């Protein structure tokens, strides 16, 4: 990629209800360059563990 990135953006592609909570299950972070996008981070939620104590 040439030039300086214009900005970074975290995109959420999917939100699903998991055990009663709406959670992002997939996402990516993108630098936007003048000549295109560069994805520098992706996540894919596979499981959730809750440690809740009152």
PDB file of N, CA and C in Angstrom:
ATOM      1  N   UNK A   1       0.835  -1.174   0.000  1.00  0.00           N
ATOM      2  CA  UNK A   1       0.000   0.000   0.000  1.00  0.00           C
ATOM      3  C   UNK A   1       0.886   1.245   0.000  1.00  0.00           C
ATOM      4  N   UNK A   2       0.517   2.185  -0.774  1.00  0.00           N
ATOM      5  CA  UNK A   2       1.287   3.416  -0.864  1.00  0.00           C
ATOM      6  C   UNK A   2       0.553   4.542  -0.164  1.00  0.00           C
ATOM      7  N   UNK A   3       1.328   5.478   0.362  1.00  0.00           N
ATOM      8  CA  UNK A   3       0.743   6.635   1.022  1.00  0.00           C
ATOM      9  C   UNK A   3       0.393   6.340   2.468  1.00  0.00           C
ATOM     10  N   UNK A   4      -0.121   7.351   3.136  1.00  0.00           N
ATOM     11  CA  UNK A   4      -0.526   7.209   4.530  1.00  0.00           C
ATOM     12  C   UNK A   4      -1.981   6.766   4.590  1.00  0.00           C
ATOM     13  N   UNK A   5      -2.305   5.938   5.589  1.00  0.00           N
ATOM     14  CA  UNK A   5      -3.702   5.533   5.707  1.00  0.00           C
ATOM     15  C   UNK A   5      -4.583   6.717   6.088  1.00  0.00           C
ATOM     16  N   UNK A   6      -5.788   6.730   5.567  1.00  0.00           N
ATOM     17  CA  UNK A   6      -6.731   7.795   5.859  1.00  0.00           C
ATOM     18  C   UNK A   6      -7.341   7.592   7.246  1.00  0.00           C
ATOM     19  N   UNK A   7      -7.795   6.396   7.531  1.00  0.00           N
ATOM     20  CA  UNK A   7      -8.316   6.083   8.855  1.00  0.00           C
ATOM     21  C   UNK A   7      -8.448   4.578   9.023  1.00  0.00           C
ATOM     22  N   UNK A   8      -8.676   4.183  10.255  1.00  0.00           N
ATOM     23  CA  UNK A   8      -8.877   2.782  10.586  1.00  0.00           C
ATOM     24  C   UNK A   8     -10.328   2.599  11.004  1.00  0.00           C
ATOM     25  N   UNK A   9     -10.870   1.434  10.722  1.00  0.00           N
ATOM     26  CA  UNK A   9     -12.264   1.174  11.036  1.00  0.00           C
ATOM     27  C   UNK A   9     -12.416  -0.272  11.492  1.00  0.00           C
ATOM     28  N   UNK A  10     -13.130  -0.470  12.583  1.00  0.00           N
ATOM     29  CA  UNK A  10     -13.461  -1.813  13.023  1.00  0.00           C
ATOM     30  C   UNK A  10     -14.862  -2.119  12.520  1.00  0.00           C
ATOM     31  N   UNK A  11     -14.971  -3.142  11.732  1.00  0.00           N
ATOM     32  CA  UNK A  11     -16.263  -3.517  11.160  1.00  0.00           C
ATOM     33  C   UNK A  11     -16.780  -4.777  11.849  1.00  0.00           C
ATOM     34  N   UNK A  12     -18.066  -4.759  12.164  1.00  0.00           N
ATOM     35  CA  UNK A  12     -18.711  -5.960  12.666  1.00  0.00           C
ATOM     36  C   UNK A  12     -19.561  -6.516  11.537  1.00  0.00           C
ATOM     37  N   UNK A  13     -19.317  -7.752  11.216  1.00  0.00           N
ATOM     38  CA  UNK A  13     -20.064  -8.348  10.116  1.00  0.00           C
ATOM     39  C   UNK A  13     -21.292  -9.102  10.607  1.00  0.00           C
ATOM     40  N   UNK A  14     -21.195  -9.761  11.731  1.00  0.00           N
ATOM     41  CA  UNK A  14     -22.309 -10.563  12.240  1.00  0.00           C
ATOM     42  C   UNK A  14     -22.516 -10.289  13.717  1.00  0.00           C
ATOM     43  N   UNK A  15     -23.766 -10.159  14.114  1.00  0.00           N
ATOM     44  CA  UNK A  15     -24.110 -10.101  15.529  1.00  0.00           C
ATOM     45  C   UNK A  15     -25.149 -11.188  15.762  1.00  0.00           C
ATOM     46  N   UNK A  16     -24.881 -12.066  16.727  1.00  0.00           N
ATOM     47  CA  UNK A  16     -25.789 -13.170  17.026  1.00  0.00           C
ATOM     48  C   UNK A  16     -26.120 -13.178  18.502  1.00  0.00           C
ATOM     49  N   UNK A  17     -27.256 -13.766  18.820  1.00  0.00           N
ATOM     50  CA  UNK A  17     -27.655 -13.922  20.204  1.00  0.00           C
ATOM     51  C   UNK A  17     -27.015 -15.197  20.738  1.00  0.00           C
ATOM     52  N   UNK A  18     -26.141 -15.033  21.732  1.00  0.00           N
ATOM     53  CA  UNK A  18     -25.444 -16.160  22.343  1.00  0.00           C
ATOM     54  C   UNK A  18     -25.791 -16.160  23.825  1.00  0.00           C
ATOM     55  N   UNK A  19     -26.521 -17.175  24.253  1.00  0.00           N
ATOM     56  CA  UNK A  19     -26.931 -17.306  25.653  1.00  0.00           C
ATOM     57  C   UNK A  19     -27.635 -16.054  26.176  1.00  0.00           C
ATOM     58  N   UNK A  20     -28.460 -15.430  25.342  1.00  0.00           N
ATOM     59  CA  UNK A  20     -29.220 -14.255  25.758  1.00  0.00           C
ATOM     60  C   UNK A  20     -28.509 -12.926  25.581  1.00  0.00           C
ATOM     61  N   UNK A  21     -27.294 -12.922  25.052  1.00  0.00           N
ATOM     62  CA  UNK A  21     -26.530 -11.697  24.821  1.00  0.00           C
ATOM     63  C   UNK A  21     -26.287 -11.519  23.327  1.00  0.00           C
ATOM     64  N   UNK A  22     -26.492 -10.308  22.821  1.00  0.00           N
ATOM     65  CA  UNK A  22     -26.159 -10.008  21.429  1.00  0.00           C
ATOM     66  C   UNK A  22     -24.672  -9.690  21.349  1.00  0.00           C
ATOM     67  N   UNK A  23     -23.936 -10.570  20.688  1.00  0.00           N
ATOM     68  CA  UNK A  23     -22.476 -10.451  20.630  1.00  0.00           C
ATOM     69  C   UNK A  23     -21.998 -10.405  19.185  1.00  0.00           C
ATOM     70  N   UNK A  24     -20.942  -9.615  18.926  1.00  0.00           N
ATOM     71  CA  UNK A  24     -20.340  -9.682  17.594  1.00  0.00           C
ATOM     72  C   UNK A  24     -19.632 -11.022  17.455  1.00  0.00           C
ATOM     73  N   UNK A  25     -19.924 -11.746  16.404  1.00  0.00           N
ATOM     74  CA  UNK A  25     -19.325 -13.065  16.206  1.00  0.00           C
ATOM     75  C   UNK A  25     -18.249 -13.068  15.132  1.00  0.00           C
ATOM     76  N   UNK A  26     -18.146 -11.992  14.392  1.00  0.00           N
ATOM     77  CA  UNK A  26     -17.115 -11.859  13.369  1.00  0.00           C
ATOM     78  C   UNK A  26     -16.833 -10.378  13.189  1.00  0.00           C
ATOM     79  N   UNK A  27     -15.603 -10.035  12.925  1.00  0.00           N
ATOM     80  CA  UNK A  27     -15.268  -8.641  12.668  1.00  0.00           C
ATOM     81  C   UNK A  27     -13.883  -8.506  12.077  1.00  0.00           C
ATOM     82  N   UNK A  28     -13.582  -7.306  11.625  1.00  0.00           N
ATOM     83  CA  UNK A  28     -12.249  -7.026  11.107  1.00  0.00           C
ATOM     84  C   UNK A  28     -11.935  -5.553  11.276  1.00  0.00           C
ATOM     85  N   UNK A  29     -10.647  -5.253  11.385  1.00  0.00           N
ATOM     86  CA  UNK A  29     -10.162  -3.878  11.464  1.00  0.00           C
ATOM     87  C   UNK A  29      -9.420  -3.573  10.158  1.00  0.00           C
ATOM     88  N   UNK A  30      -9.702  -2.407   9.602  1.00  0.00           N
ATOM     89  CA  UNK A  30      -9.221  -2.077   8.259  1.00  0.00           C
ATOM     90  C   UNK A  30      -8.570  -0.702   8.250  1.00  0.00           C
ATOM     91  N   UNK A  31      -7.382  -0.609   7.646  1.00  0.00           N
ATOM     92  CA  UNK A  31      -6.790   0.691   7.309  1.00  0.00           C
ATOM     93  C   UNK A  31      -7.260   1.029   5.909  1.00  0.00           C
ATOM     94  N   UNK A  32      -7.698   2.259   5.705  1.00  0.00           N
ATOM     95  CA  UNK A  32      -8.136   2.708   4.386  1.00  0.00           C
ATOM     96  C   UNK A  32      -7.038   3.568   3.758  1.00  0.00           C
ATOM     97  N   UNK A  33      -6.423   3.036   2.726  1.00  0.00           N
ATOM     98  CA  UNK A  33      -5.381   3.741   1.976  1.00  0.00           C
ATOM     99  C   UNK A  33      -5.995   4.314   0.705  1.00  0.00           C
ATOM    100  N   UNK A  34      -5.335   5.298   0.106  1.00  0.00           N
ATOM    101  CA  UNK A  34      -5.857   5.857  -1.150  1.00  0.00           C
ATOM    102  C   UNK A  34      -6.018   4.802  -2.251  1.00  0.00           C
ATOM    103  N   UNK A  35      -5.153   3.766  -2.257  1.00  0.00           N
ATOM    104  CA  UNK A  35      -5.240   2.759  -3.324  1.00  0.00           C
ATOM    105  C   UNK A  35      -5.919   1.467  -2.874  1.00  0.00           C
ATOM    106  N   UNK A  36      -6.590   1.469  -1.725  1.00  0.00           N
ATOM    107  CA  UNK A  36      -7.325   0.273  -1.315  1.00  0.00           C
ATOM    108  C   UNK A  36      -7.310   0.048   0.190  1.00  0.00           C
ATOM    109  N   UNK A  37      -7.924  -1.042   0.600  1.00  0.00           N
ATOM    110  CA  UNK A  37      -8.018  -1.381   2.019  1.00  0.00           C
ATOM    111  C   UNK A  37      -6.953  -2.387   2.415  1.00  0.00           C
ATOM    112  N   UNK A  38      -6.518  -2.310   3.675  1.00  0.00           N
ATOM    113  CA  UNK A  38      -5.598  -3.285   4.241  1.00  0.00           C
ATOM    114  C   UNK A  38      -6.211  -3.801   5.539  1.00  0.00           C
ATOM    115  N   UNK A  39      -6.606  -5.073   5.548  1.00  0.00           N
ATOM    116  CA  UNK A  39      -7.180  -5.695   6.742  1.00  0.00           C
ATOM    117  C   UNK A  39      -6.016  -6.137   7.623  1.00  0.00           C
ATOM    118  N   UNK A  40      -5.943  -5.580   8.853  1.00  0.00           N
ATOM    119  CA  UNK A  40      -4.828  -5.925   9.734  1.00  0.00           C
ATOM    120  C   UNK A  40      -5.254  -6.736  10.944  1.00  0.00           C
ATOM    121  N   UNK A  41      -6.554  -6.999  11.108  1.00  0.00           N
ATOM    122  CA  UNK A  41      -7.008  -7.811  12.234  1.00  0.00           C
ATOM    123  C   UNK A  41      -8.379  -8.376  11.930  1.00  0.00           C
ATOM    124  N   UNK A  42      -8.579  -9.669  12.216  1.00  0.00           N
ATOM    125  CA  UNK A  42      -9.874 -10.313  12.058  1.00  0.00           C
ATOM    126  C   UNK A  42     -10.160 -11.120  13.307  1.00  0.00           C
ATOM    127  N   UNK A  43     -11.440 -11.258  13.636  1.00  0.00           N
ATOM    128  CA  UNK A  43     -11.797 -12.166  14.707  1.00  0.00           C
ATOM    129  C   UNK A  43     -13.041 -12.947  14.322  1.00  0.00           C
ATOM    130  N   UNK A  44     -13.126 -14.159  14.881  1.00  0.00           N
ATOM    131  CA  UNK A  44     -14.247 -15.041  14.657  1.00  0.00           C
ATOM    132  C   UNK A  44     -14.546 -15.706  15.994  1.00  0.00           C
ATOM    133  N   UNK A  45     -15.652 -15.326  16.637  1.00  0.00           N
ATOM    134  CA  UNK A  45     -16.006 -15.846  17.950  1.00  0.00           C
ATOM    135  C   UNK A  45     -16.398 -17.315  17.850  1.00  0.00           C
ATOM    136  N   UNK A  46     -15.716 -18.148  18.625  1.00  0.00           N
ATOM    137  CA  UNK A  46     -16.004 -19.586  18.599  1.00  0.00           C
ATOM    138  C   UNK A  46     -16.699 -20.051  19.865  1.00  0.00           C
ATOM    139  N   UNK A  47     -16.393 -19.413  20.991  1.00  0.00           N
ATOM    140  CA  UNK A  47     -17.055 -19.797  22.232  1.00  0.00           C
ATOM    141  C   UNK A  47     -17.001 -18.622  23.220  1.00  0.00           C
ATOM    142  N   UNK A  48     -17.867 -18.696  24.225  1.00  0.00           N
ATOM    143  CA  UNK A  48     -17.944 -17.655  25.234  1.00  0.00           C
ATOM    144  C   UNK A  48     -17.980 -18.324  26.606  1.00  0.00           C
ATOM    145  N   UNK A  49     -17.215 -17.788  27.530  1.00  0.00           N
ATOM    146  CA  UNK A  49     -17.222 -18.269  28.903  1.00  0.00           C
ATOM    147  C   UNK A  49     -17.570 -17.094  29.798  1.00  0.00           C
ATOM    148  N   UNK A  50     -18.600 -17.243  30.608  1.00  0.00           N
ATOM    149  CA  UNK A  50     -19.034 -16.189  31.521  1.00  0.00           C
ATOM    150  C   UNK A  50     -18.596 -16.539  32.928  1.00  0.00           C
ATOM    151  N   UNK A  51     -17.959 -15.607  33.605  1.00  0.00           N
ATOM    152  CA  UNK A  51     -17.556 -15.775  35.000  1.00  0.00           C
ATOM    153  C   UNK A  51     -18.237 -14.670  35.785  1.00  0.00           C
ATOM    154  N   UNK A  52     -19.487 -14.900  36.115  1.00  0.00           N
ATOM    155  CA  UNK A  52     -20.288 -13.894  36.795  1.00  0.00           C
ATOM    156  C   UNK A  52     -20.540 -14.345  38.231  1.00  0.00           C
ATOM    157  N   UNK A  53     -20.135 -13.510  39.177  1.00  0.00           N
ATOM    158  CA  UNK A  53     -20.407 -13.815  40.584  1.00  0.00           C
ATOM    159  C   UNK A  53     -20.899 -12.546  41.258  1.00  0.00           C
ATOM    160  N   UNK A  54     -21.878 -12.702  42.118  1.00  0.00           N
ATOM    161  CA  UNK A  54     -22.459 -11.563  42.820  1.00  0.00           C
ATOM    162  C   UNK A  54     -22.247 -11.723  44.310  1.00  0.00           C
TER     163      UNK A  54
END
